């Protein structure tokens, strides 16, 4: 079981697959890069459920922040490089300097700002390696919801009925309870 950020970092340090993913992502030398979302969240949920086998990920999200080069084609070049190193990993690379437009949000100021605006608090998590290859965790809303197996929206998604609906649709479409049955899904009530 995971009870703290330090325990999570220790678990990642002992997970050869996760460490390899982080080291491969670092080879791109992207500004403000993180491997995030399900990569971190699923590790926590698997451990909290006592799973021995890793739950397969639909993608491994690598985000970075480069406002000077927001071309989607550049992201695809980065993905190609990652696929050339680890072809069996479902890489997805996104420059958060442009993703606010895709999601009709205010511009982000950094990758951590973007991560803080992911749909669920339990998904708003990222890992990177510092210059000494030490694991760094970002958890703008903390890791308690992920540890406690609670799925709830980040603050942005409770500000309007339209945003709340985005959250509700995502939770329904992800259907995470079929994989992790002990999750508690928090629904947004309409006023």
N, C-alpha and C. Protein backbone atom coordinates (compact mmCIF):
# COMPACT_ATOMS: atom_id res chain seq x y z
N UNK A 1 0.84 -1.19 0.00
CA UNK A 1 0.00 0.00 0.00
C UNK A 1 0.88 1.26 0.00
N UNK A 2 0.37 2.27 -0.64
CA UNK A 2 1.05 3.56 -0.69
C UNK A 2 0.35 4.50 0.28
N UNK A 3 1.14 5.19 1.11
CA UNK A 3 0.57 6.13 2.08
C UNK A 3 1.11 7.54 1.92
N UNK A 4 2.17 7.71 1.12
CA UNK A 4 2.79 9.03 1.03
C UNK A 4 3.50 9.19 -0.32
N UNK A 5 3.85 10.44 -0.62
CA UNK A 5 4.61 10.71 -1.84
C UNK A 5 5.96 10.00 -1.83
N UNK A 6 6.59 9.95 -0.66
CA UNK A 6 7.90 9.29 -0.56
C UNK A 6 7.78 7.79 -0.88
N UNK A 7 6.71 7.16 -0.40
CA UNK A 7 6.51 5.74 -0.70
C UNK A 7 6.26 5.53 -2.20
N UNK A 8 5.51 6.43 -2.81
CA UNK A 8 5.28 6.34 -4.25
C UNK A 8 6.60 6.44 -5.00
N UNK A 9 7.43 7.40 -4.64
CA UNK A 9 8.73 7.57 -5.31
C UNK A 9 9.59 6.32 -5.12
N UNK A 10 9.58 5.75 -3.92
CA UNK A 10 10.36 4.52 -3.68
C UNK A 10 9.84 3.37 -4.55
N UNK A 11 8.52 3.28 -4.71
CA UNK A 11 7.96 2.22 -5.57
C UNK A 11 8.38 2.41 -7.02
N UNK A 12 8.38 3.65 -7.48
CA UNK A 12 8.81 3.92 -8.86
C UNK A 12 10.30 3.59 -9.00
N UNK A 13 11.10 3.94 -7.99
CA UNK A 13 12.53 3.64 -8.04
C UNK A 13 12.79 2.14 -8.15
N UNK A 14 11.89 1.33 -7.62
CA UNK A 14 12.08 -0.13 -7.66
C UNK A 14 11.36 -0.78 -8.85
N UNK A 15 10.76 0.03 -9.71
CA UNK A 15 10.02 -0.47 -10.87
C UNK A 15 10.87 -0.23 -12.12
N UNK A 16 11.53 -1.28 -12.59
CA UNK A 16 12.45 -1.14 -13.73
C UNK A 16 11.76 -0.60 -14.97
N UNK A 17 10.51 -1.02 -15.22
CA UNK A 17 9.79 -0.56 -16.40
C UNK A 17 9.53 0.94 -16.32
N UNK A 18 9.04 1.42 -15.18
CA UNK A 18 8.77 2.85 -15.03
C UNK A 18 10.05 3.67 -15.14
N UNK A 19 11.11 3.19 -14.51
CA UNK A 19 12.39 3.91 -14.60
C UNK A 19 12.87 3.98 -16.04
N UNK A 20 12.73 2.89 -16.77
CA UNK A 20 13.14 2.88 -18.17
C UNK A 20 12.35 3.91 -18.97
N UNK A 21 11.03 3.97 -18.75
CA UNK A 21 10.19 4.95 -19.44
C UNK A 21 10.70 6.37 -19.16
N UNK A 22 10.99 6.66 -17.89
CA UNK A 22 11.48 7.99 -17.52
C UNK A 22 12.81 8.30 -18.20
N UNK A 23 13.72 7.33 -18.20
CA UNK A 23 15.04 7.56 -18.82
C UNK A 23 14.93 7.72 -20.33
N UNK A 24 14.04 6.96 -20.97
CA UNK A 24 13.86 7.11 -22.41
C UNK A 24 13.25 8.47 -22.72
N UNK A 25 12.25 8.89 -21.94
CA UNK A 25 11.64 10.21 -22.16
C UNK A 25 12.67 11.32 -21.99
N UNK A 26 13.56 11.15 -21.03
CA UNK A 26 14.58 12.18 -20.77
C UNK A 26 15.52 12.36 -21.96
N UNK A 27 15.71 11.30 -22.75
CA UNK A 27 16.64 11.41 -23.89
C UNK A 27 16.20 12.47 -24.89
N UNK A 28 14.92 12.82 -24.91
CA UNK A 28 14.45 13.86 -25.85
C UNK A 28 14.91 15.26 -25.44
N UNK A 29 15.31 15.41 -24.20
CA UNK A 29 15.78 16.70 -23.67
C UNK A 29 14.76 17.81 -23.91
N UNK A 30 13.51 17.50 -23.62
CA UNK A 30 12.42 18.46 -23.80
C UNK A 30 12.37 19.43 -22.62
N UNK A 31 11.94 20.66 -22.86
CA UNK A 31 11.80 21.61 -21.75
C UNK A 31 10.57 21.25 -20.90
N UNK A 32 10.76 21.30 -19.57
CA UNK A 32 9.65 21.12 -18.63
C UNK A 32 8.86 19.85 -18.94
N UNK A 33 9.56 18.71 -19.05
CA UNK A 33 8.91 17.45 -19.44
C UNK A 33 8.50 16.62 -18.23
N UNK A 34 7.41 15.87 -18.43
CA UNK A 34 6.87 14.98 -17.41
C UNK A 34 6.23 13.78 -18.09
N UNK A 35 6.31 12.62 -17.46
CA UNK A 35 5.50 11.47 -17.84
C UNK A 35 4.37 11.46 -16.82
N UNK A 36 3.14 11.49 -17.30
CA UNK A 36 2.07 11.86 -16.38
C UNK A 36 0.80 11.02 -16.55
N UNK A 37 -0.20 11.46 -15.84
CA UNK A 37 -1.57 10.94 -15.91
C UNK A 37 -1.62 9.47 -15.53
N UNK A 38 -2.14 8.63 -16.44
CA UNK A 38 -2.34 7.22 -16.13
C UNK A 38 -1.07 6.48 -15.79
N UNK A 39 0.06 6.93 -16.30
CA UNK A 39 1.35 6.32 -15.98
C UNK A 39 1.57 6.28 -14.47
N UNK A 40 1.22 7.37 -13.80
CA UNK A 40 1.39 7.46 -12.34
C UNK A 40 0.16 6.92 -11.63
N UNK A 41 -1.01 7.39 -12.05
CA UNK A 41 -2.26 7.02 -11.39
C UNK A 41 -2.47 5.50 -11.39
N UNK A 42 -2.24 4.87 -12.53
CA UNK A 42 -2.48 3.42 -12.60
C UNK A 42 -1.53 2.64 -11.70
N UNK A 43 -0.31 3.12 -11.55
CA UNK A 43 0.63 2.47 -10.62
C UNK A 43 0.05 2.52 -9.21
N UNK A 44 -0.43 3.68 -8.81
CA UNK A 44 -1.01 3.82 -7.47
C UNK A 44 -2.22 2.91 -7.32
N UNK A 45 -3.14 2.96 -8.27
CA UNK A 45 -4.36 2.14 -8.17
C UNK A 45 -4.05 0.65 -8.19
N UNK A 46 -3.08 0.23 -9.00
CA UNK A 46 -2.70 -1.18 -9.02
C UNK A 46 -2.18 -1.62 -7.66
N UNK A 47 -1.30 -0.82 -7.07
CA UNK A 47 -0.74 -1.15 -5.77
C UNK A 47 -1.84 -1.18 -4.70
N UNK A 48 -2.70 -0.17 -4.72
CA UNK A 48 -3.76 -0.09 -3.70
C UNK A 48 -4.76 -1.25 -3.84
N UNK A 49 -4.87 -1.81 -5.03
CA UNK A 49 -5.75 -2.98 -5.25
C UNK A 49 -5.03 -4.30 -5.02
N UNK A 50 -3.73 -4.24 -4.78
CA UNK A 50 -2.98 -5.46 -4.55
C UNK A 50 -2.69 -6.26 -5.81
N UNK A 51 -2.75 -5.60 -6.98
CA UNK A 51 -2.49 -6.29 -8.24
C UNK A 51 -1.00 -6.64 -8.34
N UNK A 52 -0.73 -7.84 -8.79
CA UNK A 52 0.65 -8.27 -9.03
C UNK A 52 1.10 -7.82 -10.43
N UNK A 53 0.21 -7.98 -11.40
CA UNK A 53 0.50 -7.59 -12.79
C UNK A 53 0.14 -6.13 -13.01
N UNK A 54 0.93 -5.44 -13.78
CA UNK A 54 0.67 -4.06 -14.16
C UNK A 54 -0.55 -4.01 -15.08
N UNK A 55 -1.44 -3.07 -14.83
CA UNK A 55 -2.57 -2.87 -15.73
C UNK A 55 -2.04 -2.22 -17.01
N UNK A 56 -2.34 -2.79 -18.18
CA UNK A 56 -1.85 -2.19 -19.43
C UNK A 56 -2.38 -0.76 -19.60
N UNK A 57 -1.53 0.10 -20.10
CA UNK A 57 -1.90 1.49 -20.33
C UNK A 57 -2.27 1.69 -21.79
N UNK A 58 -3.35 2.44 -22.06
CA UNK A 58 -3.68 2.74 -23.46
C UNK A 58 -2.64 3.67 -24.09
N UNK A 59 -1.98 4.48 -23.25
CA UNK A 59 -0.90 5.35 -23.73
C UNK A 59 -0.01 5.74 -22.57
N UNK A 60 1.20 6.12 -22.92
CA UNK A 60 2.15 6.67 -21.95
C UNK A 60 2.32 8.14 -22.33
N UNK A 61 1.74 9.01 -21.49
CA UNK A 61 1.70 10.44 -21.78
C UNK A 61 2.98 11.14 -21.37
N UNK A 62 3.64 11.73 -22.35
CA UNK A 62 4.80 12.58 -22.11
C UNK A 62 4.38 13.99 -22.49
N UNK A 63 4.46 14.91 -21.53
CA UNK A 63 4.13 16.29 -21.82
C UNK A 63 5.36 17.16 -21.61
N UNK A 64 5.36 18.29 -22.30
CA UNK A 64 6.44 19.26 -22.15
C UNK A 64 5.86 20.63 -22.43
N UNK A 65 6.66 21.67 -22.20
CA UNK A 65 6.17 23.03 -22.40
C UNK A 65 7.17 23.82 -23.21
N UNK A 66 6.80 24.11 -24.47
CA UNK A 66 7.67 24.84 -25.37
C UNK A 66 6.83 25.83 -26.19
N UNK A 67 6.56 27.04 -25.62
CA UNK A 67 5.71 27.99 -26.32
C UNK A 67 6.31 28.49 -27.63
N UNK A 68 7.61 28.37 -27.81
CA UNK A 68 8.26 28.83 -29.03
C UNK A 68 8.10 27.89 -30.21
N UNK A 69 7.58 26.69 -29.97
CA UNK A 69 7.46 25.71 -31.05
C UNK A 69 6.20 24.86 -30.85
N UNK A 70 5.01 25.46 -31.01
CA UNK A 70 3.76 24.74 -30.71
C UNK A 70 3.21 23.90 -31.86
N UNK A 71 4.04 23.53 -32.80
CA UNK A 71 3.59 22.78 -33.97
C UNK A 71 3.36 21.31 -33.60
N UNK A 72 2.18 20.80 -33.89
CA UNK A 72 1.86 19.40 -33.58
C UNK A 72 2.80 18.43 -34.29
N UNK A 73 3.29 18.80 -35.45
CA UNK A 73 4.22 17.93 -36.19
C UNK A 73 5.49 17.66 -35.38
N UNK A 74 5.91 18.62 -34.59
CA UNK A 74 7.10 18.44 -33.74
C UNK A 74 6.82 17.37 -32.69
N UNK A 75 5.61 17.38 -32.13
CA UNK A 75 5.22 16.35 -31.15
C UNK A 75 5.32 14.96 -31.79
N UNK A 76 4.87 14.85 -33.03
CA UNK A 76 4.91 13.55 -33.73
C UNK A 76 6.35 13.12 -33.98
N UNK A 77 7.24 14.07 -34.22
CA UNK A 77 8.66 13.73 -34.37
C UNK A 77 9.21 13.16 -33.07
N UNK A 78 8.83 13.79 -31.95
CA UNK A 78 9.28 13.29 -30.65
C UNK A 78 8.73 11.89 -30.39
N UNK A 79 7.47 11.68 -30.73
CA UNK A 79 6.88 10.34 -30.57
C UNK A 79 7.65 9.32 -31.40
N UNK A 80 7.98 9.69 -32.62
CA UNK A 80 8.73 8.76 -33.50
C UNK A 80 10.07 8.39 -32.88
N UNK A 81 10.74 9.36 -32.30
CA UNK A 81 12.02 9.07 -31.64
C UNK A 81 11.83 8.08 -30.50
N UNK A 82 10.78 8.31 -29.71
CA UNK A 82 10.52 7.40 -28.59
C UNK A 82 10.18 6.00 -29.09
N UNK A 83 9.35 5.92 -30.14
CA UNK A 83 9.00 4.62 -30.71
C UNK A 83 10.22 3.90 -31.26
N UNK A 84 11.19 4.66 -31.77
CA UNK A 84 12.40 4.03 -32.31
C UNK A 84 13.23 3.40 -31.19
N UNK A 85 13.11 3.95 -29.97
CA UNK A 85 13.85 3.41 -28.83
C UNK A 85 13.07 2.28 -28.16
N UNK A 86 11.77 2.50 -27.93
CA UNK A 86 10.91 1.51 -27.27
C UNK A 86 9.62 1.36 -28.11
N UNK A 87 9.69 0.53 -29.16
CA UNK A 87 8.54 0.43 -30.07
C UNK A 87 7.29 -0.19 -29.46
N UNK A 88 7.41 -0.89 -28.37
CA UNK A 88 6.25 -1.55 -27.76
C UNK A 88 5.55 -0.70 -26.72
N UNK A 89 5.98 0.52 -26.54
CA UNK A 89 5.35 1.44 -25.58
C UNK A 89 4.39 2.35 -26.35
N UNK A 90 3.15 2.51 -25.87
CA UNK A 90 2.18 3.37 -26.57
C UNK A 90 2.39 4.86 -26.27
N UNK A 91 3.45 5.42 -26.81
CA UNK A 91 3.83 6.80 -26.53
C UNK A 91 2.80 7.81 -27.04
N UNK A 92 2.60 8.86 -26.27
CA UNK A 92 1.81 10.02 -26.69
C UNK A 92 2.54 11.25 -26.17
N UNK A 93 2.95 12.13 -27.07
CA UNK A 93 3.72 13.32 -26.69
C UNK A 93 2.89 14.56 -27.01
N UNK A 94 2.77 15.44 -26.03
CA UNK A 94 2.00 16.67 -26.23
C UNK A 94 2.75 17.86 -25.64
N UNK A 95 2.75 18.96 -26.42
CA UNK A 95 3.30 20.22 -25.97
C UNK A 95 2.17 20.99 -25.28
N UNK A 96 2.26 21.14 -23.98
CA UNK A 96 1.19 21.79 -23.22
C UNK A 96 1.07 23.28 -23.55
N UNK A 97 2.03 23.83 -24.27
CA UNK A 97 1.92 25.23 -24.69
C UNK A 97 0.81 25.43 -25.72
N UNK A 98 0.33 24.33 -26.32
CA UNK A 98 -0.76 24.47 -27.30
C UNK A 98 -2.03 23.75 -26.87
N UNK A 99 -1.96 22.91 -25.84
CA UNK A 99 -3.10 22.06 -25.51
C UNK A 99 -4.29 22.83 -24.95
N UNK A 100 -4.06 24.00 -24.40
CA UNK A 100 -5.20 24.79 -23.90
C UNK A 100 -6.18 25.09 -25.04
N UNK A 101 -5.66 25.28 -26.25
CA UNK A 101 -6.53 25.56 -27.39
C UNK A 101 -7.40 24.36 -27.72
N UNK A 102 -6.81 23.17 -27.63
CA UNK A 102 -7.55 21.94 -27.92
C UNK A 102 -8.69 21.75 -26.91
N UNK A 103 -8.44 22.18 -25.68
CA UNK A 103 -9.40 21.96 -24.60
C UNK A 103 -10.20 23.21 -24.24
N UNK A 104 -10.09 24.27 -25.05
CA UNK A 104 -10.79 25.53 -24.82
C UNK A 104 -10.60 26.03 -23.38
N UNK A 105 -9.34 26.14 -22.98
CA UNK A 105 -8.99 26.60 -21.64
C UNK A 105 -8.10 27.83 -21.76
N UNK A 106 -7.92 28.57 -20.66
CA UNK A 106 -6.93 29.65 -20.68
C UNK A 106 -5.53 29.07 -20.92
N UNK A 107 -4.62 29.84 -21.51
CA UNK A 107 -3.26 29.34 -21.77
C UNK A 107 -2.58 28.88 -20.48
N UNK A 108 -1.82 27.81 -20.59
CA UNK A 108 -1.04 27.31 -19.47
C UNK A 108 0.29 28.07 -19.41
N UNK A 109 0.88 28.13 -18.23
CA UNK A 109 2.18 28.80 -18.07
C UNK A 109 3.32 27.80 -17.93
N UNK A 110 2.98 26.52 -17.76
CA UNK A 110 4.00 25.47 -17.58
C UNK A 110 3.31 24.11 -17.73
N UNK A 111 4.12 23.08 -17.77
CA UNK A 111 3.54 21.73 -17.79
C UNK A 111 2.81 21.42 -16.49
N UNK A 112 3.35 21.87 -15.37
CA UNK A 112 2.68 21.61 -14.09
C UNK A 112 1.33 22.33 -14.04
N UNK A 113 1.27 23.53 -14.59
CA UNK A 113 -0.01 24.23 -14.69
C UNK A 113 -1.00 23.41 -15.50
N UNK A 114 -0.55 22.85 -16.61
CA UNK A 114 -1.42 22.01 -17.44
C UNK A 114 -1.85 20.76 -16.68
N UNK A 115 -0.92 20.11 -16.01
CA UNK A 115 -1.24 18.91 -15.24
C UNK A 115 -2.26 19.23 -14.16
N UNK A 116 -2.15 20.40 -13.56
CA UNK A 116 -3.10 20.79 -12.50
C UNK A 116 -4.51 20.92 -13.05
N UNK A 117 -4.63 21.09 -14.37
CA UNK A 117 -5.94 21.23 -15.02
C UNK A 117 -6.37 19.97 -15.76
N UNK A 118 -5.72 18.84 -15.48
CA UNK A 118 -6.24 17.57 -15.99
C UNK A 118 -7.61 17.36 -15.37
N UNK A 119 -8.38 16.48 -15.90
CA UNK A 119 -9.79 16.36 -15.52
C UNK A 119 -10.01 15.90 -14.08
N UNK A 120 -9.25 14.90 -13.61
CA UNK A 120 -9.45 14.38 -12.25
C UNK A 120 -8.21 14.63 -11.39
N UNK A 121 -8.44 14.83 -10.11
CA UNK A 121 -7.31 15.04 -9.19
C UNK A 121 -6.39 13.83 -9.16
N UNK A 122 -6.95 12.63 -9.26
CA UNK A 122 -6.14 11.41 -9.21
C UNK A 122 -5.30 11.22 -10.48
N UNK A 123 -5.64 11.95 -11.53
CA UNK A 123 -4.89 11.88 -12.79
C UNK A 123 -3.89 13.03 -12.91
N UNK A 124 -4.05 14.07 -12.12
CA UNK A 124 -3.20 15.26 -12.17
C UNK A 124 -1.88 14.98 -11.46
N UNK A 125 -1.12 14.05 -12.01
CA UNK A 125 0.15 13.60 -11.42
C UNK A 125 1.19 13.46 -12.53
N UNK A 126 2.43 13.73 -12.20
CA UNK A 126 3.49 13.57 -13.18
C UNK A 126 4.81 13.23 -12.52
N UNK A 127 5.66 12.56 -13.28
CA UNK A 127 7.01 12.21 -12.83
C UNK A 127 8.01 12.69 -13.86
N UNK A 128 9.16 13.14 -13.39
CA UNK A 128 10.27 13.50 -14.26
C UNK A 128 11.56 13.11 -13.56
N UNK A 129 12.67 13.28 -14.23
CA UNK A 129 13.99 13.07 -13.65
C UNK A 129 14.73 14.39 -13.64
N UNK A 130 15.37 14.69 -12.53
CA UNK A 130 16.16 15.92 -12.47
C UNK A 130 17.52 15.69 -13.13
N UNK A 131 18.39 16.68 -13.07
CA UNK A 131 19.70 16.58 -13.74
C UNK A 131 20.58 15.48 -13.16
N UNK A 132 20.24 15.00 -11.95
CA UNK A 132 21.01 13.91 -11.32
C UNK A 132 20.25 12.59 -11.41
N UNK A 133 19.24 12.53 -12.27
CA UNK A 133 18.39 11.35 -12.47
C UNK A 133 17.61 10.93 -11.22
N UNK A 134 17.34 11.89 -10.35
CA UNK A 134 16.46 11.63 -9.22
C UNK A 134 15.02 11.85 -9.66
N UNK A 135 14.13 11.01 -9.17
CA UNK A 135 12.71 11.11 -9.53
C UNK A 135 12.09 12.31 -8.83
N UNK A 136 11.35 13.10 -9.60
CA UNK A 136 10.62 14.25 -9.08
C UNK A 136 9.14 14.01 -9.38
N UNK A 137 8.31 14.20 -8.38
CA UNK A 137 6.87 14.05 -8.52
C UNK A 137 6.20 15.41 -8.49
N UNK A 138 5.26 15.64 -9.40
CA UNK A 138 4.38 16.79 -9.26
C UNK A 138 2.98 16.25 -9.00
N UNK A 139 2.34 16.86 -8.03
CA UNK A 139 0.98 16.47 -7.65
C UNK A 139 0.26 17.74 -7.20
N UNK A 140 -0.19 18.57 -8.16
CA UNK A 140 -0.76 19.86 -7.81
C UNK A 140 -1.95 19.80 -6.85
N UNK A 141 -2.65 18.67 -6.84
CA UNK A 141 -3.78 18.50 -5.92
C UNK A 141 -3.47 17.44 -4.87
N UNK A 142 -2.17 17.10 -4.73
CA UNK A 142 -1.77 16.06 -3.79
C UNK A 142 -2.03 14.68 -4.38
N UNK A 143 -1.61 13.65 -3.63
CA UNK A 143 -1.83 12.28 -4.09
C UNK A 143 -2.88 11.55 -3.26
N UNK A 144 -3.46 12.24 -2.28
CA UNK A 144 -4.38 11.56 -1.37
C UNK A 144 -5.57 10.95 -2.09
N UNK A 145 -6.17 11.65 -3.05
CA UNK A 145 -7.32 11.08 -3.77
C UNK A 145 -6.90 9.81 -4.50
N UNK A 146 -5.76 9.83 -5.15
CA UNK A 146 -5.30 8.63 -5.86
C UNK A 146 -5.07 7.49 -4.87
N UNK A 147 -4.43 7.78 -3.76
CA UNK A 147 -4.16 6.77 -2.73
C UNK A 147 -5.47 6.22 -2.16
N UNK A 148 -6.42 7.10 -1.93
CA UNK A 148 -7.71 6.70 -1.35
C UNK A 148 -8.68 6.15 -2.38
N UNK A 149 -8.23 6.05 -3.64
CA UNK A 149 -9.04 5.48 -4.73
C UNK A 149 -10.30 6.31 -4.99
N UNK A 150 -10.14 7.64 -4.89
CA UNK A 150 -11.25 8.56 -5.12
C UNK A 150 -11.04 9.27 -6.46
N UNK A 151 -12.06 9.24 -7.29
CA UNK A 151 -12.04 9.94 -8.56
C UNK A 151 -12.97 11.13 -8.43
N UNK A 152 -12.38 12.33 -8.50
CA UNK A 152 -13.20 13.55 -8.44
C UNK A 152 -12.58 14.60 -9.35
N UNK A 153 -13.37 15.59 -9.75
CA UNK A 153 -12.86 16.57 -10.72
C UNK A 153 -11.87 17.55 -10.09
N UNK A 154 -10.96 18.03 -10.92
CA UNK A 154 -10.12 19.15 -10.49
C UNK A 154 -11.00 20.40 -10.47
N UNK A 155 -10.59 21.46 -9.79
CA UNK A 155 -11.45 22.65 -9.64
C UNK A 155 -11.99 23.23 -10.94
N UNK A 156 -11.21 23.20 -12.01
CA UNK A 156 -11.66 23.77 -13.28
C UNK A 156 -12.95 23.13 -13.77
N UNK A 157 -13.11 21.84 -13.51
CA UNK A 157 -14.25 21.11 -14.06
C UNK A 157 -15.52 21.19 -13.22
N UNK A 158 -15.49 22.01 -12.18
CA UNK A 158 -16.73 22.22 -11.43
C UNK A 158 -17.21 23.66 -11.55
N UNK A 159 -16.60 24.43 -12.45
CA UNK A 159 -16.94 25.85 -12.56
C UNK A 159 -18.14 26.14 -13.45
N UNK A 160 -18.45 25.24 -14.39
CA UNK A 160 -19.62 25.44 -15.25
C UNK A 160 -20.27 24.09 -15.53
N UNK A 161 -21.55 24.08 -15.87
CA UNK A 161 -22.20 22.80 -16.22
C UNK A 161 -21.54 22.12 -17.42
N UNK A 162 -21.04 22.91 -18.38
CA UNK A 162 -20.39 22.31 -19.56
C UNK A 162 -19.10 21.58 -19.16
N UNK A 163 -18.33 22.19 -18.29
CA UNK A 163 -17.09 21.55 -17.83
C UNK A 163 -17.41 20.33 -16.98
N UNK A 164 -18.42 20.44 -16.15
CA UNK A 164 -18.84 19.30 -15.34
C UNK A 164 -19.24 18.13 -16.24
N UNK A 165 -19.88 18.44 -17.35
CA UNK A 165 -20.30 17.38 -18.28
C UNK A 165 -19.09 16.71 -18.93
N UNK A 166 -18.05 17.48 -19.21
CA UNK A 166 -16.81 16.89 -19.75
C UNK A 166 -16.27 15.87 -18.76
N UNK A 167 -16.22 16.24 -17.48
CA UNK A 167 -15.77 15.32 -16.44
C UNK A 167 -16.66 14.07 -16.40
N UNK A 168 -17.97 14.28 -16.33
CA UNK A 168 -18.90 13.15 -16.23
C UNK A 168 -18.78 12.21 -17.44
N UNK A 169 -18.66 12.78 -18.63
CA UNK A 169 -18.51 11.95 -19.84
C UNK A 169 -17.21 11.15 -19.79
N UNK A 170 -16.15 11.79 -19.36
CA UNK A 170 -14.86 11.10 -19.29
C UNK A 170 -14.91 9.94 -18.31
N UNK A 171 -15.45 10.19 -17.13
CA UNK A 171 -15.53 9.14 -16.12
C UNK A 171 -16.37 7.96 -16.64
N UNK A 172 -17.47 8.28 -17.29
CA UNK A 172 -18.33 7.22 -17.84
C UNK A 172 -17.58 6.44 -18.93
N UNK A 173 -16.92 7.15 -19.83
CA UNK A 173 -16.24 6.49 -20.94
C UNK A 173 -15.03 5.67 -20.49
N UNK A 174 -14.33 6.14 -19.48
CA UNK A 174 -13.16 5.41 -18.98
C UNK A 174 -13.57 4.11 -18.30
N UNK A 175 -14.72 4.13 -17.62
CA UNK A 175 -15.24 2.92 -16.98
C UNK A 175 -14.19 2.23 -16.10
N UNK A 176 -13.45 3.03 -15.33
CA UNK A 176 -12.35 2.53 -14.52
C UNK A 176 -12.77 1.47 -13.50
N UNK A 177 -14.02 1.53 -13.04
CA UNK A 177 -14.46 0.55 -12.03
C UNK A 177 -14.39 -0.89 -12.51
N UNK A 178 -14.40 -1.10 -13.81
CA UNK A 178 -14.30 -2.47 -14.30
C UNK A 178 -12.89 -3.03 -14.12
N UNK A 179 -11.91 -2.15 -14.04
CA UNK A 179 -10.52 -2.57 -13.83
C UNK A 179 -10.16 -2.49 -12.34
N UNK A 180 -10.51 -1.38 -11.72
CA UNK A 180 -10.20 -1.13 -10.31
C UNK A 180 -11.52 -1.01 -9.54
N UNK A 181 -12.08 -2.12 -9.07
CA UNK A 181 -13.43 -2.10 -8.50
C UNK A 181 -13.58 -1.34 -7.19
N UNK A 182 -12.50 -1.02 -6.52
CA UNK A 182 -12.61 -0.33 -5.23
C UNK A 182 -12.63 1.19 -5.36
N UNK A 183 -12.66 1.69 -6.58
CA UNK A 183 -12.71 3.14 -6.78
C UNK A 183 -14.04 3.72 -6.31
N UNK A 184 -13.97 4.93 -5.79
CA UNK A 184 -15.17 5.71 -5.50
C UNK A 184 -15.20 6.85 -6.51
N UNK A 185 -16.24 6.87 -7.33
CA UNK A 185 -16.39 7.92 -8.34
C UNK A 185 -17.28 9.01 -7.77
N UNK A 186 -16.77 10.21 -7.70
CA UNK A 186 -17.56 11.36 -7.23
C UNK A 186 -18.21 12.00 -8.45
N UNK A 187 -19.52 12.10 -8.40
CA UNK A 187 -20.26 12.73 -9.49
C UNK A 187 -20.62 14.17 -9.12
N UNK A 188 -20.68 15.02 -10.11
CA UNK A 188 -21.02 16.42 -9.89
C UNK A 188 -22.53 16.55 -9.97
N UNK A 189 -23.11 17.07 -8.94
CA UNK A 189 -24.56 17.23 -8.92
C UNK A 189 -24.94 18.51 -9.63
N UNK A 190 -26.00 18.42 -10.41
CA UNK A 190 -26.49 19.62 -11.08
C UNK A 190 -27.39 20.39 -10.13
N UNK A 191 -27.24 21.71 -10.15
CA UNK A 191 -28.06 22.55 -9.26
C UNK A 191 -29.38 22.88 -9.90
